Each structure stands twice: as structure tokens, then as C-alpha cells.
Amino acid sequence: MARLFVVMAREAPVAVILRRGPTKLWRVVRWETGQDQFQRGQWFRGSFYPERCDLSPDGRLFLYFAGKSRVREFDSAYGGTWTAVSYAPYLTALALWPMGDCWGGGGAFLDNQTVVVDTSCFRPGLTHHPLHPPGPLQVLERSALHFRDPRKTAKPAWQQGWIDLPDESAIKRRADRVLRRHPRRRGYTLERATGEELLPIPANWADWDHQGRLAATFGGRLQVLQEDQTWTELLNLDDDQFEPIEAPDWAKRWELQQPPR
């Protein structure tokens, strides 16, 4: 069964859906949340870390952490694991920083042209791959920032607004509603501000979208909650099958002009 994780842009009504399944197979889908339009993008076979990903505020650039475990599947210059920036919904790297382990990786956008990158605690230093320069991006290494620098604690967009609690759960408030994320992937609960439970949500992921709707993923299905507390399906990726997809020319290199939406 497929599983979905969603990364929403902070400003533009855009999100990236990361589809996993089976196991090592991933797909990126772009979601225009204002019109509920979807653009299926590239596939990736290997390890992918959704919780270390981010989307630029304007929804154009996608930062991700990924890797391959079999030596024959990757060029040694890429280190086995890497942090990269691409144009969503493609994974063809514009900028790429080889890692080699999982003790770090990923990062967060500060704005549309500034990114904080998490490097390995065992291999400090931020060196990009010679074929994948950062182009117009200003790149900061998190470990090199002073501990009082507010940029050091920058979080990816999907984490913002969530408040971590001592019991390892987290809550996010919107008007008089509270969304509670339970620890160890035990789903979510929609509550009143008073703590009264309104609706259990056995979802892989849930959050409010740019329209203010509560969205959630169940297996490979993306749904939104209606006022009568019933779910409406927006997208079903359960039956998607792998197909080789090449990124268009504009998504393979840095351009002075932004790519088309």
C-alpha cells in the first residue's frame, strides 16, 4: 500500500506530495492547493527522508535528502546520501551536497533564495558536487552558525506552527480547533480548544491547507474534511505504477527566469 507525506509552501498555495510504495520506490507530485490541480513528477528508487525535506516559500524549489545503499546504483562522488535542491515536482538536482551517511542531511528554506543545510556531524563542511552548484542560492551550513543566530533553529515549512509536548505528541491550533499529532505514527485527533475530542483521524499525515481545509492522507489517498465531518477525496495515488520520467530542460539547470507554473 502506498503512503503519502505532504510538504506545504509557507506562502504560495503549493504543496509537494511524496508517495512511497512499495518500500524503496518514491514519487513526487505537485499540488496546487488553490485549484486542487495535480502534476505527477519523477520517481526515485532508494532511501528518501520526507521529514528532512522543505519547499521554498513560493513553492518552486524542493529541498530533499535521499540516498542509495547499493554501490552499483550511484556514482561514488555523490557519497551514497545527499542533500539536493530541484524544481518541484522533479528530482533532477540543481544543487547537490554529497553526504555519505545519515547523521544530518536536509535543511530548511529561510526565503526563496536562502537555504540552511544540515551537514553530517562526522563530516562538517559544506562542499557542493562540482556538477551541481548552488547557483543563485545563498547557502548556510547550520552547524557553522552561532548558537544565538536565529537561523540556526530554522525549521522546514511542514514543521512550522506545531508545538511539541512532553508526551511526544504535538499540537497545531487554527481558530477554535486543535489538531493533535500522536507519537510513533499513531495518527491524529481533531479537538476543540477546550480539549474535547471531535474526530479521530487514522491518517499518515494531516494538516490544514492554504484554503483552511483540514487535509489528510489515508494510504495513497489525499482527502479533505467537510463541515459535516465527512471526507472528500481529492487524489488517489494507490494504483500509480513506476514509469521513467525525464525532467524537462528548464528543470535541469539554473535559469535567470523562474520556470513555468
Foldseek 3Di string as FASTA:
>chain_A
DKAWDKAAAPAAQKIWIWIDPDPQKIWIKIANNVVRDIDTEAMDGFAWDVQLKAAANNRFKIKTKTFHDDPVVDDCLQQRIWIFIFTPPYDQGQKIWRANDDQFFHWAAPHNAEIEGEHHPVDDDTDIRPNRHSPRHHYHHLVPDDPPPPRNPDGHRVCPQWAADPQRKIWHDDDQWIWIGDPPLQFIFIAGVVRHTDDTGSFSDWDQGPVRWIWGHDRQWIWTADPVRDTDTSDGPNPDDHDGDDDDPPGNYDDPDGDDD
